[in-house]
Amino acid sequence: MELTMLWYLVPSVIMFICGVYGFITRHNLIAILLSLELMLNAADLNFVVFNRFLFPGAMEGMFFTLFSIGIAAAETAIAVAIVVNIYRAIGNTDINEIKKMRF
């Protein structure tokens, strides 16, 4: 049985939808960050799949994926540093408590 593009895109869509749902519904900053990473991983999977099936000899999708992973790692490091500073200032990472810091 030959694996078509659909076998790879369906899990990617499910990952992205789970990430969007978690991003919208969570109140904890760490959970929101994990949901964002899930969405980025779904996009990385799409880069690789489209590269493999549409342009099998090219490596652009792989390079985009590596670049995206590097950007995601930098974004995660900065976000974790911000979350740690917020936790030190407030004592929790609830979004509703952070909104109170503005006033």
PDB file of N, CA and C in Angstrom:
ATOM      1  N   MET A   1       0.841  -1.178   0.000  1.00  0.00           N
ATOM      2  CA  MET A   1       0.000   0.000   0.000  1.00  0.00           C
ATOM      3  C   MET A   1       0.889   1.245   0.000  1.00  0.00           C
ATOM      4  N   GLU A   2       0.623   2.118  -0.925  1.00  0.00           N
ATOM      5  CA  GLU A   2       1.418   3.340  -1.049  1.00  0.00           C
ATOM      6  C   GLU A   2       0.854   4.428  -0.143  1.00  0.00           C
ATOM      7  N   LEU A   3       1.743   5.087   0.556  1.00  0.00           N
ATOM      8  CA  LEU A   3       1.322   6.182   1.423  1.00  0.00           C
ATOM      9  C   LEU A   3       1.173   7.442   0.584  1.00  0.00           C
ATOM     10  N   THR A   4      -0.004   8.007   0.632  1.00  0.00           N
ATOM     11  CA  THR A   4      -0.250   9.247  -0.096  1.00  0.00           C
ATOM     12  C   THR A   4      -0.052  10.435   0.842  1.00  0.00           C
ATOM     13  N   MET A   5      -0.192  11.615   0.284  1.00  0.00           N
ATOM     14  CA  MET A   5      -0.011  12.834   1.061  1.00  0.00           C
ATOM     15  C   MET A   5      -1.060  12.944   2.169  1.00  0.00           C
ATOM     16  N   LEU A   6      -2.221  12.384   1.954  1.00  0.00           N
ATOM     17  CA  LEU A   6      -3.307  12.467   2.925  1.00  0.00           C
ATOM     18  C   LEU A   6      -2.935  11.806   4.251  1.00  0.00           C
ATOM     19  N   TRP A   7      -2.143  10.730   4.202  1.00  0.00           N
ATOM     20  CA  TRP A   7      -1.739  10.031   5.419  1.00  0.00           C
ATOM     21  C   TRP A   7      -0.873  10.921   6.310  1.00  0.00           C
ATOM     22  N   TYR A   8      -0.220  11.896   5.747  1.00  0.00           N
ATOM     23  CA  TYR A   8       0.622  12.806   6.520  1.00  0.00           C
ATOM     24  C   TYR A   8      -0.106  14.104   6.881  1.00  0.00           C
ATOM     25  N   LEU A   9      -1.000  14.541   6.023  1.00  0.00           N
ATOM     26  CA  LEU A   9      -1.677  15.815   6.257  1.00  0.00           C
ATOM     27  C   LEU A   9      -2.782  15.726   7.301  1.00  0.00           C
ATOM     28  N   VAL A  10      -3.431  14.586   7.409  1.00  0.00           N
ATOM     29  CA  VAL A  10      -4.496  14.448   8.410  1.00  0.00           C
ATOM     30  C   VAL A  10      -3.942  14.574   9.830  1.00  0.00           C
ATOM     31  N   PRO A  11      -2.855  13.876  10.195  1.00  0.00           N
ATOM     32  CA  PRO A  11      -2.301  14.107  11.546  1.00  0.00           C
ATOM     33  C   PRO A  11      -1.817  15.540  11.750  1.00  0.00           C
ATOM     34  N   SER A  12      -1.313  16.156  10.691  1.00  0.00           N
ATOM     35  CA  SER A  12      -0.871  17.538  10.798  1.00  0.00           C
ATOM     36  C   SER A  12      -2.046  18.470  11.078  1.00  0.00           C
ATOM     37  N   VAL A  13      -3.162  18.254  10.416  1.00  0.00           N
ATOM     38  CA  VAL A  13      -4.353  19.069  10.654  1.00  0.00           C
ATOM     39  C   VAL A  13      -4.887  18.835  12.067  1.00  0.00           C
ATOM     40  N   ILE A  14      -4.876  17.593  12.514  1.00  0.00           N
ATOM     41  CA  ILE A  14      -5.336  17.286  13.874  1.00  0.00           C
ATOM     42  C   ILE A  14      -4.428  17.962  14.898  1.00  0.00           C
ATOM     43  N   MET A  15      -3.114  17.919  14.675  1.00  0.00           N
ATOM     44  CA  MET A  15      -2.188  18.594  15.580  1.00  0.00           C
ATOM     45  C   MET A  15      -2.446  20.090  15.618  1.00  0.00           C
ATOM     46  N   PHE A  16      -2.655  20.686  14.457  1.00  0.00           N
ATOM     47  CA  PHE A  16      -2.885  22.126  14.396  1.00  0.00           C
ATOM     48  C   PHE A  16      -4.187  22.515  15.086  1.00  0.00           C
ATOM     49  N   ILE A  17      -5.243  21.745  14.877  1.00  0.00           N
ATOM     50  CA  ILE A  17      -6.533  22.039  15.507  1.00  0.00           C
ATOM     51  C   ILE A  17      -6.427  21.896  17.026  1.00  0.00           C
ATOM     52  N   CYS A  18      -5.722  20.872  17.495  1.00  0.00           N
ATOM     53  CA  CYS A  18      -5.521  20.714  18.938  1.00  0.00           C
ATOM     54  C   CYS A  18      -4.721  21.884  19.503  1.00  0.00           C
ATOM     55  N   GLY A  19      -3.744  22.366  18.757  1.00  0.00           N
ATOM     56  CA  GLY A  19      -2.971  23.518  19.191  1.00  0.00           C
ATOM     57  C   GLY A  19      -3.799  24.784  19.266  1.00  0.00           C
ATOM     58  N   VAL A  20      -4.644  25.012  18.264  1.00  0.00           N
ATOM     59  CA  VAL A  20      -5.511  26.197  18.269  1.00  0.00           C
ATOM     60  C   VAL A  20      -6.506  26.112  19.424  1.00  0.00           C
ATOM     61  N   TYR A  21      -7.084  24.946  19.635  1.00  0.00           N
ATOM     62  CA  TYR A  21      -8.032  24.771  20.731  1.00  0.00           C
ATOM     63  C   TYR A  21      -7.357  25.028  22.084  1.00  0.00           C
ATOM     64  N   GLY A  22      -6.172  24.473  22.259  1.00  0.00           N
ATOM     65  CA  GLY A  22      -5.453  24.692  23.511  1.00  0.00           C
ATOM     66  C   GLY A  22      -5.045  26.136  23.691  1.00  0.00           C
ATOM     67  N   PHE A  23      -4.672  26.803  22.618  1.00  0.00           N
ATOM     68  CA  PHE A  23      -4.269  28.205  22.696  1.00  0.00           C
ATOM     69  C   PHE A  23      -5.437  29.099  23.100  1.00  0.00           C
ATOM     70  N   ILE A  24      -6.615  28.776  22.607  1.00  0.00           N
ATOM     71  CA  ILE A  24      -7.785  29.600  22.886  1.00  0.00           C
ATOM     72  C   ILE A  24      -8.365  29.323  24.273  1.00  0.00           C
ATOM     73  N   THR A  25      -8.369  28.077  24.705  1.00  0.00           N
ATOM     74  CA  THR A  25      -9.100  27.710  25.917  1.00  0.00           C
ATOM     75  C   THR A  25      -8.263  27.715  27.185  1.00  0.00           C
ATOM     76  N   ARG A  26      -6.967  27.659  27.114  1.00  0.00           N
ATOM     77  CA  ARG A  26      -6.138  27.557  28.322  1.00  0.00           C
ATOM     78  C   ARG A  26      -5.944  28.907  28.981  1.00  0.00           C
ATOM     79  N   HIS A  27      -5.746  28.867  30.305  1.00  0.00           N
ATOM     80  CA  HIS A  27      -5.478  30.080  31.069  1.00  0.00           C
ATOM     81  C   HIS A  27      -4.075  30.079  31.651  1.00  0.00           C
ATOM     82  N   ASN A  28      -3.361  28.986  31.516  1.00  0.00           N
ATOM     83  CA  ASN A  28      -2.004  28.871  32.026  1.00  0.00           C
ATOM     84  C   ASN A  28      -1.020  29.209  30.907  1.00  0.00           C
ATOM     85  N   LEU A  29      -0.018  30.011  31.202  1.00  0.00           N
ATOM     86  CA  LEU A  29       0.929  30.430  30.165  1.00  0.00           C
ATOM     87  C   LEU A  29       1.744  29.268  29.605  1.00  0.00           C
ATOM     88  N   ILE A  30       2.101  28.310  30.442  1.00  0.00           N
ATOM     89  CA  ILE A  30       2.870  27.156  29.962  1.00  0.00           C
ATOM     90  C   ILE A  30       2.031  26.318  28.998  1.00  0.00           C
ATOM     91  N   ALA A  31       0.763  26.115  29.309  1.00  0.00           N
ATOM     92  CA  ALA A  31      -0.118  25.357  28.412  1.00  0.00           C
ATOM     93  C   ALA A  31      -0.303  26.090  27.084  1.00  0.00           C
ATOM     94  N   ILE A  32      -0.394  27.404  27.135  1.00  0.00           N
ATOM     95  CA  ILE A  32      -0.512  28.195  25.902  1.00  0.00           C
ATOM     96  C   ILE A  32       0.759  28.064  25.072  1.00  0.00           C
ATOM     97  N   LEU A  33       1.898  28.079  25.728  1.00  0.00           N
ATOM     98  CA  LEU A  33       3.166  27.914  25.018  1.00  0.00           C
ATOM     99  C   LEU A  33       3.276  26.530  24.376  1.00  0.00           C
ATOM    100  N   LEU A  34       2.827  25.495  25.073  1.00  0.00           N
ATOM    101  CA  LEU A  34       2.835  24.151  24.495  1.00  0.00           C
ATOM    102  C   LEU A  34       1.892  24.057  23.293  1.00  0.00           C
ATOM    103  N   SER A  35       0.755  24.717  23.367  1.00  0.00           N
ATOM    104  CA  SER A  35      -0.180  24.717  22.238  1.00  0.00           C
ATOM    105  C   SER A  35       0.420  25.424  21.029  1.00  0.00           C
ATOM    106  N   LEU A  36       1.130  26.502  21.277  1.00  0.00           N
ATOM    107  CA  LEU A  36       1.796  27.214  20.188  1.00  0.00           C
ATOM    108  C   LEU A  36       2.873  26.342  19.543  1.00  0.00           C
ATOM    109  N   GLU A  37       3.607  25.613  20.351  1.00  0.00           N
ATOM    110  CA  GLU A  37       4.618  24.696  19.807  1.00  0.00           C
ATOM    111  C   GLU A  37       3.972  23.577  18.994  1.00  0.00           C
ATOM    112  N   LEU A  38       2.815  23.114  19.422  1.00  0.00           N
ATOM    113  CA  LEU A  38       2.103  22.084  18.668  1.00  0.00           C
ATOM    114  C   LEU A  38       1.699  22.603  17.292  1.00  0.00           C
ATOM    115  N   MET A  39       1.254  23.848  17.220  1.00  0.00           N
ATOM    116  CA  MET A  39       0.899  24.436  15.927  1.00  0.00           C
ATOM    117  C   MET A  39       2.140  24.593  15.038  1.00  0.00           C
ATOM    118  N   LEU A  40       3.261  24.995  15.628  1.00  0.00           N
ATOM    119  CA  LEU A  40       4.486  25.127  14.837  1.00  0.00           C
ATOM    120  C   LEU A  40       4.976  23.776  14.324  1.00  0.00           C
ATOM    121  N   ASN A  41       4.842  22.737  15.120  1.00  0.00           N
ATOM    122  CA  ASN A  41       5.238  21.401  14.665  1.00  0.00           C
ATOM    123  C   ASN A  41       4.341  20.898  13.542  1.00  0.00           C
ATOM    124  N   ALA A  42       3.069  21.246  13.581  1.00  0.00           N
ATOM    125  CA  ALA A  42       2.168  20.877  12.482  1.00  0.00           C
ATOM    126  C   ALA A  42       2.591  21.576  11.194  1.00  0.00           C
ATOM    127  N   ALA A  43       2.985  22.839  11.305  1.00  0.00           N
ATOM    128  CA  ALA A  43       3.461  23.557  10.113  1.00  0.00           C
ATOM    129  C   ALA A  43       4.762  22.955   9.597  1.00  0.00           C
ATOM    130  N   ASP A  44       5.654  22.544  10.495  1.00  0.00           N
ATOM    131  CA  ASP A  44       6.898  21.900  10.076  1.00  0.00           C
ATOM    132  C   ASP A  44       6.624  20.589   9.343  1.00  0.00           C
ATOM    133  N   LEU A  45       5.674  19.836   9.847  1.00  0.00           N
ATOM    134  CA  LEU A  45       5.308  18.591   9.174  1.00  0.00           C
ATOM    135  C   LEU A  45       4.774  18.867   7.775  1.00  0.00           C
ATOM    136  N   ASN A  46       4.005  19.925   7.619  1.00  0.00           N
ATOM    137  CA  ASN A  46       3.497  20.295   6.284  1.00  0.00           C
ATOM    138  C   ASN A  46       4.639  20.683   5.353  1.00  0.00           C
ATOM    139  N   PHE A  47       5.630  21.433   5.858  1.00  0.00           N
ATOM    140  CA  PHE A  47       6.790  21.782   5.032  1.00  0.00           C
ATOM    141  C   PHE A  47       7.460  20.520   4.479  1.00  0.00           C
ATOM    142  N   VAL A  48       7.680  19.553   5.329  1.00  0.00           N
ATOM    143  CA  VAL A  48       8.379  18.334   4.913  1.00  0.00           C
ATOM    144  C   VAL A  48       7.532  17.514   3.944  1.00  0.00           C
ATOM    145  N   VAL A  49       6.251  17.386   4.229  1.00  0.00           N
ATOM    146  CA  VAL A  49       5.375  16.572   3.378  1.00  0.00           C
ATOM    147  C   VAL A  49       5.240  17.173   1.985  1.00  0.00           C
ATOM    148  N   PHE A  50       4.991  18.484   1.917  1.00  0.00           N
ATOM    149  CA  PHE A  50       4.847  19.102   0.600  1.00  0.00           C
ATOM    150  C   PHE A  50       6.159  19.067  -0.175  1.00  0.00           C
ATOM    151  N   ASN A  51       7.266  19.190   0.521  1.00  0.00           N
ATOM    152  CA  ASN A  51       8.550  19.092  -0.161  1.00  0.00           C
ATOM    153  C   ASN A  51       8.761  17.686  -0.720  1.00  0.00           C
ATOM    154  N   ARG A  52       8.424  16.680   0.060  1.00  0.00           N
ATOM    155  CA  ARG A  52       8.660  15.300  -0.372  1.00  0.00           C
ATOM    156  C   ARG A  52       7.775  14.911  -1.551  1.00  0.00           C
ATOM    157  N   PHE A  53       6.524  15.326  -1.522  1.00  0.00           N
ATOM    158  CA  PHE A  53       5.601  14.885  -2.561  1.00  0.00           C
ATOM    159  C   PHE A  53       5.590  15.779  -3.791  1.00  0.00           C
ATOM    160  N   LEU A  54       5.792  17.063  -3.629  1.00  0.00           N
ATOM    161  CA  LEU A  54       5.732  17.961  -4.786  1.00  0.00           C
ATOM    162  C   LEU A  54       7.087  18.150  -5.458  1.00  0.00           C
ATOM    163  N   PHE A  55       8.145  18.233  -4.660  1.00  0.00           N
ATOM    164  CA  PHE A  55       9.494  18.440  -5.195  1.00  0.00           C
ATOM    165  C   PHE A  55      10.455  17.455  -4.528  1.00  0.00           C
ATOM    166  N   PRO A  56      10.427  16.180  -4.931  1.00  0.00           N
ATOM    167  CA  PRO A  56      11.212  15.170  -4.214  1.00  0.00           C
ATOM    168  C   PRO A  56      12.720  15.386  -4.291  1.00  0.00           C
ATOM    169  N   GLY A  57      13.211  16.022  -5.300  1.00  0.00           N
ATOM    170  CA  GLY A  57      14.652  16.211  -5.423  1.00  0.00           C
ATOM    171  C   GLY A  57      15.172  17.448  -4.705  1.00  0.00           C
ATOM    172  N   ALA A  58      14.291  18.337  -4.324  1.00  0.00           N
ATOM    173  CA  ALA A  58      14.696  19.602  -3.703  1.00  0.00           C
ATOM    174  C   ALA A  58      14.720  19.458  -2.180  1.00  0.00           C
ATOM    175  N   MET A  59      15.411  20.399  -1.546  1.00  0.00           N
ATOM    176  CA  MET A  59      15.538  20.355  -0.092  1.00  0.00           C
ATOM    177  C   MET A  59      14.988  21.620   0.580  1.00  0.00           C
ATOM    178  N   GLU A  60      14.248  22.445  -0.136  1.00  0.00           N
ATOM    179  CA  GLU A  60      13.785  23.701   0.438  1.00  0.00           C
ATOM    180  C   GLU A  60      12.866  23.496   1.626  1.00  0.00           C
ATOM    181  N   GLY A  61      11.965  22.519   1.544  1.00  0.00           N
ATOM    182  CA  GLY A  61      11.059  22.242   2.662  1.00  0.00           C
ATOM    183  C   GLY A  61      11.803  21.822   3.907  1.00  0.00           C
ATOM    184  N   MET A  62      12.875  21.046   3.717  1.00  0.00           N
ATOM    185  CA  MET A  62      13.686  20.630   4.870  1.00  0.00           C
ATOM    186  C   MET A  62      14.401  21.824   5.490  1.00  0.00           C
ATOM    187  N   PHE A  63      14.894  22.728   4.644  1.00  0.00           N
ATOM    188  CA  PHE A  63      15.587  23.902   5.169  1.00  0.00           C
ATOM    189  C   PHE A  63      14.616  24.834   5.893  1.00  0.00           C
ATOM    190  N   PHE A  64      13.424  25.007   5.334  1.00  0.00           N
ATOM    191  CA  PHE A  64      12.405  25.804   6.020  1.00  0.00           C
ATOM    192  C   PHE A  64      12.063  25.190   7.373  1.00  0.00           C
ATOM    193  N   THR A  65      11.992  23.865   7.414  1.00  0.00           N
ATOM    194  CA  THR A  65      11.684  23.191   8.672  1.00  0.00           C
ATOM    195  C   THR A  65      12.788  23.400   9.689  1.00  0.00           C
ATOM    196  N   LEU A  66      14.036  23.275   9.278  1.00  0.00           N
ATOM    197  CA  LEU A  66      15.143  23.511  10.208  1.00  0.00           C
ATOM    198  C   LEU A  66      15.164  24.955  10.689  1.00  0.00           C
ATOM    199  N   PHE A  67      14.907  25.892   9.803  1.00  0.00           N
ATOM    200  CA  PHE A  67      14.848  27.296  10.194  1.00  0.00           C
ATOM    201  C   PHE A  67      13.698  27.533  11.167  1.00  0.00           C
ATOM    202  N   SER A  68      12.552  26.936  10.906  1.00  0.00           N
ATOM    203  CA  SER A  68      11.398  27.081  11.774  1.00  0.00           C
ATOM    204  C   SER A  68      11.648  26.469  13.147  1.00  0.00           C
ATOM    205  N   ILE A  69      12.336  25.341  13.204  1.00  0.00           N
ATOM    206  CA  ILE A  69      12.674  24.725  14.485  1.00  0.00           C
ATOM    207  C   ILE A  69      13.607  25.626  15.277  1.00  0.00           C
ATOM    208  N   GLY A  70      14.552  26.238  14.604  1.00  0.00           N
ATOM    209  CA  GLY A  70      15.460  27.167  15.285  1.00  0.00           C
ATOM    210  C   GLY A  70      14.736  28.388  15.824  1.00  0.00           C
ATOM    211  N   ILE A  71      13.837  28.940  15.034  1.00  0.00           N
ATOM    212  CA  ILE A  71      13.044  30.089  15.481  1.00  0.00           C
ATOM    213  C   ILE A  71      12.149  29.685  16.652  1.00  0.00           C
ATOM    214  N   ALA A  72      11.563  28.495  16.586  1.00  0.00           N
ATOM    215  CA  ALA A  72      10.698  28.030  17.673  1.00  0.00           C
ATOM    216  C   ALA A  72      11.492  27.827  18.958  1.00  0.00           C
ATOM    217  N   ALA A  73      12.725  27.349  18.841  1.00  0.00           N
ATOM    218  CA  ALA A  73      13.554  27.169  20.033  1.00  0.00           C
ATOM    219  C   ALA A  73      13.892  28.512  20.670  1.00  0.00           C
ATOM    220  N   ALA A  74      14.217  29.501  19.854  1.00  0.00           N
ATOM    221  CA  ALA A  74      14.506  30.832  20.380  1.00  0.00           C
ATOM    222  C   ALA A  74      13.256  31.450  21.000  1.00  0.00           C
ATOM    223  N   GLU A  75      12.129  31.281  20.349  1.00  0.00           N
ATOM    224  CA  GLU A  75      10.871  31.808  20.882  1.00  0.00           C
ATOM    225  C   GLU A  75      10.518  31.141  22.204  1.00  0.00           C
ATOM    226  N   THR A  76      10.754  29.845  22.313  1.00  0.00           N
ATOM    227  CA  THR A  76      10.467  29.133  23.549  1.00  0.00           C
ATOM    228  C   THR A  76      11.377  29.593  24.680  1.00  0.00           C
ATOM    229  N   ALA A  77      12.639  29.797  24.391  1.00  0.00           N
ATOM    230  CA  ALA A  77      13.565  30.254  25.424  1.00  0.00           C
ATOM    231  C   ALA A  77      13.167  31.627  25.950  1.00  0.00           C
ATOM    232  N   ILE A  78      12.801  32.522  25.068  1.00  0.00           N
ATOM    233  CA  ILE A  78      12.376  33.863  25.494  1.00  0.00           C
ATOM    234  C   ILE A  78      11.055  33.793  26.253  1.00  0.00           C
ATOM    235  N   ALA A  79      10.120  32.981  25.778  1.00  0.00           N
ATOM    236  CA  ALA A  79       8.821  32.869  26.444  1.00  0.00           C
ATOM    237  C   ALA A  79       8.953  32.263  27.834  1.00  0.00           C
ATOM    238  N   VAL A  80       9.807  31.262  27.981  1.00  0.00           N
ATOM    239  CA  VAL A  80      10.011  30.664  29.311  1.00  0.00           C
ATOM    240  C   VAL A  80      10.649  31.668  30.255  1.00  0.00           C
ATOM    241  N   ALA A  81      11.572  32.484  29.761  1.00  0.00           N
ATOM    242  CA  ALA A  81      12.166  33.526  30.604  1.00  0.00           C
ATOM    243  C   ALA A  81      11.110  34.536  31.047  1.00  0.00           C
ATOM    244  N   ILE A  82      10.215  34.905  30.153  1.00  0.00           N
ATOM    245  CA  ILE A  82       9.142  35.842  30.512  1.00  0.00           C
ATOM    246  C   ILE A  82       8.199  35.201  31.529  1.00  0.00           C
ATOM    247  N   VAL A  83       7.858  33.932  31.334  1.00  0.00           N
ATOM    248  CA  VAL A  83       6.965  33.240  32.259  1.00  0.00           C
ATOM    249  C   VAL A  83       7.599  33.137  33.643  1.00  0.00           C
ATOM    250  N   VAL A  84       8.882  32.858  33.716  1.00  0.00           N
ATOM    251  CA  VAL A  84       9.566  32.783  35.008  1.00  0.00           C
ATOM    252  C   VAL A  84       9.545  34.137  35.706  1.00  0.00           C
ATOM    253  N   ASN A  85       9.768  35.215  34.979  1.00  0.00           N
ATOM    254  CA  ASN A  85       9.714  36.549  35.584  1.00  0.00           C
ATOM    255  C   ASN A  85       8.305  36.904  36.048  1.00  0.00           C
ATOM    256  N   ILE A  86       7.304  36.516  35.283  1.00  0.00           N
ATOM    257  CA  ILE A  86       5.918  36.758  35.703  1.00  0.00           C
ATOM    258  C   ILE A  86       5.599  35.945  36.945  1.00  0.00           C
ATOM    259  N   TYR A  87       6.067  34.712  36.986  1.00  0.00           N
ATOM    260  CA  TYR A  87       5.814  33.870  38.160  1.00  0.00           C
ATOM    261  C   TYR A  87       6.486  34.456  39.401  1.00  0.00           C
ATOM    262  N   ARG A  88       7.670  35.008  39.245  1.00  0.00           N
ATOM    263  CA  ARG A  88       8.342  35.644  40.381  1.00  0.00           C
ATOM    264  C   ARG A  88       7.599  36.882  40.859  1.00  0.00           C
ATOM    265  N   ALA A  89       7.013  37.626  39.933  1.00  0.00           N
ATOM    266  CA  ALA A  89       6.322  38.861  40.308  1.00  0.00           C
ATOM    267  C   ALA A  89       4.946  38.601  40.907  1.00  0.00           C
ATOM    268  N   ILE A  90       4.202  37.651  40.348  1.00  0.00           N
ATOM    269  CA  ILE A  90       2.815  37.432  40.764  1.00  0.00           C
ATOM    270  C   ILE A  90       2.680  36.215  41.672  1.00  0.00           C
ATOM    271  N   GLY A  91       3.360  35.146  41.363  1.00  0.00           N
ATOM    272  CA  GLY A  91       3.231  33.917  42.136  1.00  0.00           C
ATOM    273  C   GLY A  91       2.464  32.829  41.421  1.00  0.00           C
ATOM    274  N   ASN A  92       1.887  33.120  40.264  1.00  0.00           N
ATOM    275  CA  ASN A  92       1.251  32.102  39.423  1.00  0.00           C
ATOM    276  C   ASN A  92       1.322  32.548  37.971  1.00  0.00           C
ATOM    277  N   THR A  93       0.888  31.665  37.085  1.00  0.00           N
ATOM    278  CA  THR A  93       0.972  31.966  35.649  1.00  0.00           C
ATOM    279  C   THR A  93      -0.417  31.993  35.006  1.00  0.00           C
ATOM    280  N   ASP A  94      -1.394  32.423  35.757  1.00  0.00           N
ATOM    281  CA  ASP A  94      -2.763  32.513  35.242  1.00  0.00           C
ATOM    282  C   ASP A  94      -2.920  33.793  34.420  1.00  0.00           C
ATOM    283  N   ILE A  95      -3.564  33.678  33.279  1.00  0.00           N
ATOM    284  CA  ILE A  95      -3.741  34.821  32.382  1.00  0.00           C
ATOM    285  C   ILE A  95      -4.549  35.932  33.040  1.00  0.00           C
ATOM    286  N   ASN A  96      -5.564  35.572  33.827  1.00  0.00           N
ATOM    287  CA  ASN A  96      -6.397  36.592  34.460  1.00  0.00           C
ATOM    288  C   ASN A  96      -5.607  37.428  35.455  1.00  0.00           C
ATOM    289  N   GLU A  97      -4.654  36.842  36.138  1.00  0.00           N
ATOM    290  CA  GLU A  97      -3.816  37.587  37.077  1.00  0.00           C
ATOM    291  C   GLU A  97      -2.854  38.505  36.350  1.00  0.00           C
ATOM    292  N   ILE A  98      -2.396  38.096  35.179  1.00  0.00           N
ATOM    293  CA  ILE A  98      -1.467  38.921  34.400  1.00  0.00           C
ATOM    294  C   ILE A  98      -2.183  40.151  33.876  1.00  0.00           C
ATOM    295  N   LYS A  99      -3.453  40.014  33.523  1.00  0.00           N
ATOM    296  CA  LYS A  99      -4.213  41.168  33.055  1.00  0.00           C
ATOM    297  C   LYS A  99      -4.335  42.232  34.125  1.00  0.00           C
ATOM    298  N   LYS A 100      -4.320  41.822  35.397  1.00  0.00           N
ATOM    299  CA  LYS A 100      -4.402  42.771  36.497  1.00  0.00           C
ATOM    300  C   LYS A 100      -3.115  43.587  36.647  1.00  0.00           C
ATOM    301  N   MET A 101      -2.020  43.100  36.120  1.00  0.00           N
ATOM    302  CA  MET A 101      -0.739  43.801  36.241  1.00  0.00           C
ATOM    303  C   MET A 101      -0.727  45.095  35.425  1.00  0.00           C
ATOM    304  N   ARG A 102      -1.580  45.221  34.439  1.00  0.00           N
ATOM    305  CA  ARG A 102      -1.579  46.413  33.593  1.00  0.00           C
ATOM    306  C   ARG A 102      -2.030  47.654  34.340  1.00  0.00           C
ATOM    307  N   PHE A 103      -2.880  47.494  35.337  1.00  0.00           N
ATOM    308  CA  PHE A 103      -3.480  48.649  35.985  1.00  0.00           C
ATOM    309  C   PHE A 103      -2.857  48.932  37.323  1.00  0.00           C
TER     310      PHE A 103
END
